[in-house]
Protein backbone atom coordinates (compact mmCIF):
# COMPACT_ATOMS: atom_id res chain seq x y z
CA MET A 1 -5.00 15.94 -3.16
CA TRP A 2 -5.07 14.31 0.28
CA TYR A 3 -2.16 13.73 2.62
CA ALA A 4 -1.58 12.36 6.11
CA ALA A 5 0.15 14.66 8.60
CA ASN A 6 1.68 11.65 10.31
CA CYS A 7 3.23 13.47 13.29
CA LYS A 8 0.30 15.85 13.83
CA GLY A 9 -2.73 13.54 13.94
CA ARG A 10 -4.39 15.23 10.98
CA LEU A 11 -5.46 14.68 7.40
CA GLY A 12 -4.97 17.48 4.90
CA ARG A 13 -6.53 18.48 1.61
CA LEU A 14 -4.79 20.56 -1.07
CA GLU A 15 -6.87 22.25 -3.77
CA PRO A 16 -4.46 22.41 -6.75
CA THR A 17 -6.27 25.18 -8.64
CA THR A 18 -6.02 27.65 -5.73
CA GLY A 19 -3.27 26.22 -3.54
CA THR A 20 -5.67 26.27 -0.58
CA ILE A 21 -4.95 23.76 2.18
CA LYS A 22 -7.51 22.58 4.72
CA GLU A 23 -6.61 20.26 7.57
CA TYR A 24 -8.88 18.00 9.61
CA ALA A 25 -7.99 17.11 13.19
CA LEU A 26 -8.53 13.44 13.99
CA PRO A 27 -9.46 11.85 17.34
CA ALA A 28 -6.59 11.73 19.82
CA GLU A 29 -6.20 7.97 19.33
CA ALA A 30 -5.33 8.56 15.68
CA ARG A 31 -2.01 10.14 16.61
CA ASP A 32 -0.08 8.91 13.56
CA PRO A 33 -2.42 8.60 10.54
CA HIS A 34 -0.89 6.78 7.60
CA THR A 35 -1.59 6.13 3.90
CA PRO A 36 -4.82 8.02 3.09
CA LEU A 37 -7.16 6.33 0.62
CA TYR A 38 -10.06 8.05 -1.12
CA HIS A 39 -12.95 5.60 -1.43
CA ASP A 40 -16.59 6.34 -2.14
CA GLY A 41 -16.53 9.88 -0.74
CA LYS A 42 -14.56 9.12 2.41
CA ILE A 43 -10.86 9.19 3.26
CA TRP A 44 -9.76 5.92 4.83
CA PHE A 45 -6.46 5.71 6.71
CA THR A 46 -4.41 3.45 8.95
CA VAL A 47 -2.90 4.25 12.36
CA GLN A 48 -0.17 1.76 13.13
CA GLY A 49 0.84 3.26 16.47
CA SER A 50 -2.65 2.93 17.94
CA ASN A 51 -3.55 -0.32 16.15
CA VAL A 52 -6.63 1.17 14.52
CA TYR A 53 -7.93 2.20 11.09
CA GLY A 54 -10.70 4.59 10.20
CA TRP A 55 -12.36 7.06 7.88
CA LEU A 56 -12.96 10.78 7.62
CA ASP A 57 -16.04 12.27 5.98
CA PRO A 58 -14.81 15.53 4.38
CA LYS A 59 -18.34 16.95 4.11
CA SER A 60 -19.13 16.74 7.81
CA GLY A 61 -15.65 16.50 9.31
CA GLU A 62 -16.76 13.38 11.18
CA ALA A 63 -14.16 10.68 11.76
CA LYS A 64 -14.63 7.11 12.93
CA LEU A 65 -12.02 4.66 14.16
CA PHE A 66 -12.06 0.85 14.22
CA PRO A 67 -9.73 -1.23 16.42
CA VAL A 68 -7.81 -4.24 15.11
CA ALA A 69 -8.35 -7.24 17.38
CA THR A 70 -4.83 -8.62 16.87
CA PRO A 71 -2.48 -6.89 19.37
CA ASP A 72 0.33 -4.82 17.84
CA ALA A 73 -0.92 -5.55 14.31
CA ARG A 74 0.41 -2.18 13.07
CA PRO A 75 -2.09 -1.40 10.26
CA TYR A 76 0.00 -0.04 7.39
CA GLY A 77 -0.58 -0.11 3.63
CA ILE A 78 -4.21 0.24 2.52
CA VAL A 79 -5.78 -0.02 -0.95
CA ALA A 80 -9.19 -0.45 -2.55
CA GLY A 81 -10.03 -3.58 -4.51
CA PRO A 82 -11.56 -3.41 -7.99
CA PRO A 83 -15.31 -3.48 -8.63
CA PRO A 84 -17.68 -5.14 -8.23
CA ASP A 85 -16.33 -6.27 -4.84
CA GLY A 86 -14.99 -2.88 -3.77
CA SER A 87 -13.49 -4.08 -0.49
CA ILE A 88 -10.63 -2.25 1.19
CA TRP A 89 -7.48 -4.24 1.84
CA MET A 90 -5.00 -3.55 4.60
CA ALA A 91 -1.53 -4.87 5.43
CA LEU A 92 -1.08 -5.61 9.12
CA PHE A 93 2.65 -5.04 9.27
CA GLY A 94 3.16 -6.16 12.88
CA THR A 95 1.94 -9.68 12.17
CA ASN A 96 1.49 -12.24 9.39
CA GLN A 97 -1.99 -11.02 8.50
CA ILE A 98 -3.82 -9.17 5.76
CA GLY A 99 -7.23 -7.65 6.42
CA ARG A 100 -10.26 -7.06 4.21
CA VAL A 101 -12.47 -4.17 5.33
CA ASP A 102 -16.14 -3.85 4.42
CA PRO A 103 -16.44 -0.13 3.61
CA ALA A 104 -20.16 -0.18 4.43
CA ASN A 105 -19.62 -0.85 8.13
CA GLY A 106 -15.86 -1.06 8.74
CA ASP A 107 -15.95 -4.77 9.63
CA LEU A 108 -12.58 -6.50 9.29
CA ARG A 109 -11.95 -10.05 8.04
CA ILE A 110 -8.49 -11.47 8.67
CA PHE A 111 -6.47 -13.59 6.22
CA SER A 112 -3.50 -15.21 7.94
CA LEU A 113 -0.38 -15.91 5.90
CA PRO A 114 1.07 -19.42 6.38
CA THR A 115 4.48 -18.35 7.71
CA PRO A 116 4.40 -16.71 11.17
CA GLY A 117 7.44 -14.56 10.30
CA SER A 118 5.77 -12.88 7.32
CA ARG A 119 5.39 -9.11 7.60
CA PRO A 120 3.27 -7.64 4.78
CA ARG A 121 3.98 -3.93 4.48
CA ARG A 122 2.36 -2.68 1.26
CA LEU A 123 -0.16 -4.35 -0.99
CA ILE A 124 -2.06 -3.94 -4.25
CA VAL A 125 -5.07 -5.72 -5.79
CA ASP A 126 -5.17 -6.70 -9.46
CA ALA A 127 -8.16 -6.72 -11.81
CA LYS A 128 -8.96 -10.33 -10.89
CA GLY A 129 -9.10 -9.54 -7.18
CA ILE A 130 -5.72 -11.16 -6.38
CA VAL A 131 -3.88 -9.43 -3.55
CA TRP A 132 -0.14 -8.91 -4.07
CA TYR A 133 1.95 -7.85 -1.08
CA SER A 134 5.54 -7.08 -0.18
CA ASP A 135 6.79 -9.29 2.66
CA PHE A 136 9.33 -6.89 4.11
CA ALA A 137 10.79 -9.26 6.70
CA ARG A 138 11.16 -12.37 4.54
CA ASP A 139 12.31 -10.85 1.22
CA ARG A 140 9.33 -12.17 -0.70
CA LEU A 141 6.63 -11.03 -3.09
CA GLY A 142 3.39 -12.62 -1.95
CA ARG A 143 0.18 -13.54 -3.74
CA LEU A 144 -3.11 -14.11 -1.89
CA ASP A 145 -6.21 -15.43 -3.64
CA PRO A 146 -9.09 -14.34 -1.37
CA ALA A 147 -11.52 -16.74 -3.05
CA THR A 148 -9.54 -19.81 -2.02
CA GLY A 149 -7.20 -18.48 0.66
CA GLN A 150 -4.25 -19.84 -1.32
CA VAL A 151 -0.95 -18.04 -0.76
CA ARG A 152 2.08 -18.24 -3.05
CA GLU A 153 5.44 -16.60 -2.50
CA PHE A 154 8.20 -15.56 -4.88
CA PRO A 155 11.72 -14.82 -3.57
CA CYS A 156 13.11 -11.38 -4.28
CA PRO A 157 15.89 -11.52 -6.90
CA GLY A 158 18.05 -9.40 -4.58
CA GLY A 159 18.09 -12.18 -1.99
CA SER A 160 18.59 -11.64 1.72
CA GLY A 161 18.12 -8.06 2.89
CA SER A 162 16.00 -7.04 -0.10
CA GLN A 163 13.27 -5.60 2.16
CA PRO A 164 10.51 -5.20 -0.46
CA TYR A 165 8.40 -2.11 0.18
CA GLY A 166 6.38 0.02 -2.27
CA ILE A 167 4.32 -1.95 -4.80
CA ALA A 168 2.09 -1.29 -7.83
CA ILE A 169 0.62 -3.02 -10.87
CA GLY A 170 1.93 -1.36 -13.99
CA SER A 171 0.13 -0.63 -17.22
CA ASP A 172 2.28 -3.44 -18.68
CA GLY A 173 0.50 -5.98 -16.44
CA ARG A 174 3.52 -6.67 -14.27
CA VAL A 175 3.79 -6.30 -10.51
CA TRP A 176 6.42 -3.69 -9.71
CA TYR A 177 7.98 -3.39 -6.27
CA ASP A 178 10.94 -1.80 -4.54
CA GLU A 179 13.81 -3.70 -2.97
CA SER A 180 14.50 -0.99 -0.42
CA GLY A 181 17.55 -2.78 0.94
CA LYS A 182 19.15 -3.10 -2.52
CA ASN A 183 18.22 0.18 -4.24
CA ASP A 184 16.47 -1.72 -7.04
CA ILE A 185 13.01 -1.88 -8.57
CA VAL A 186 11.72 -5.32 -9.56
CA ALA A 187 9.13 -6.14 -12.23
CA PHE A 188 7.41 -9.51 -11.81
CA ASP A 189 5.35 -10.98 -14.65
CA PRO A 190 2.46 -13.04 -13.19
CA ALA A 191 2.01 -14.91 -16.47
CA THR A 192 5.58 -16.18 -16.80
CA GLU A 193 6.78 -15.67 -13.21
CA ARG A 194 9.90 -14.03 -14.56
CA THR A 195 11.50 -10.97 -13.04
CA GLU A 196 13.39 -7.96 -14.35
CA THR A 197 15.44 -5.68 -12.13
CA VAL A 198 15.88 -1.94 -12.70
CA ALA A 199 18.58 -0.18 -10.68
CA ILE A 200 17.73 3.17 -9.11
CA PRO A 201 20.57 5.55 -10.04
CA THR A 202 20.12 7.65 -6.89
CA ARG A 203 21.73 5.93 -3.92
CA VAL A 204 19.81 5.09 -0.74
CA ALA A 205 16.45 5.86 -2.39
CA VAL A 206 13.79 4.00 -0.41
CA VAL A 207 10.56 3.79 -2.43
CA ARG A 208 7.79 3.68 0.14
CA ASN A 209 5.13 4.40 -2.48
CA MET A 210 4.76 4.34 -6.23
CA ALA A 211 1.97 5.40 -8.57
CA VAL A 212 0.97 4.35 -12.09
CA ASP A 213 0.05 6.79 -14.86
CA SER A 214 -1.87 4.29 -16.99
CA ILE A 215 -2.71 6.84 -19.69
CA ARG A 216 0.93 7.58 -20.47
CA GLY A 217 2.31 4.19 -19.42
CA ARG A 218 4.57 5.50 -16.67
CA LEU A 219 5.49 4.46 -13.17
CA TRP A 220 6.32 7.25 -10.73
CA LEU A 221 8.50 6.56 -7.69
CA ALA A 222 8.75 8.54 -4.47
CA LEU A 223 12.48 8.38 -3.65
CA SER A 224 12.26 9.02 0.07
CA GLY A 225 15.10 10.97 1.63
CA THR A 226 16.61 12.11 -1.67
CA GLN A 227 14.45 15.10 -2.73
CA ARG A 228 13.84 13.34 -6.04
CA LEU A 229 11.18 11.48 -7.97
CA GLY A 230 11.85 8.53 -10.23
CA LYS A 231 10.11 7.65 -13.50
CA ILE A 232 10.00 4.37 -15.42
CA GLU A 233 8.47 4.19 -18.88
CA LEU A 234 6.25 1.11 -19.02
CA GLY A 235 4.69 1.25 -22.46
CA ARG A 236 1.11 0.56 -23.47
CA ALA A 237 -1.43 -1.25 -21.33
CA ARG A 238 -2.04 -4.91 -22.02
């Protein structure tokens, strides 16, 4: 299990069978590593404070950083796309941009969203390679087709102040995301474009991240600031 020590400029590794923890110091520029992603033997991460992203090789301890050309882009959420493409996708939270990283060399290609005020915070890629993102500033769920560059947006059911944040694709095929400003979880069906809202019973529970257990058909929620986890039963994969 890998984690980012955000205030310490380190990445950490926990071995569950022994409880052993090993930490890796990152270059000084990576002062606030964020959202670790295991991909092809390396741990990729974002550093929004320094406007860079990078990787760590656990075998050698070597780390490499890559700058983002857009000033104050604030690299944030990061995920891997499905095979055969295998690109890494990154939300540039300080601007209206989403980046695609070539894991072979770290090169970054920018996709600009049509509205300057968009602020993508988290993102996920479906089996068809479509990028779904939470537009935190504009209360929208966004859809980017990298093949065509087409962008579609869907208003959050919670309306103004929804502040969509954590996002995942459930085993039920729907896009699930958190309305952090409303204390609700939203399920969006790409086929019908219909939404369902699930209230979080714990108050002020910001879901910055969520994870899917596809084997058991469950969605796990990290309820930040509440010392609790949330679970939603999704049912079988489709």
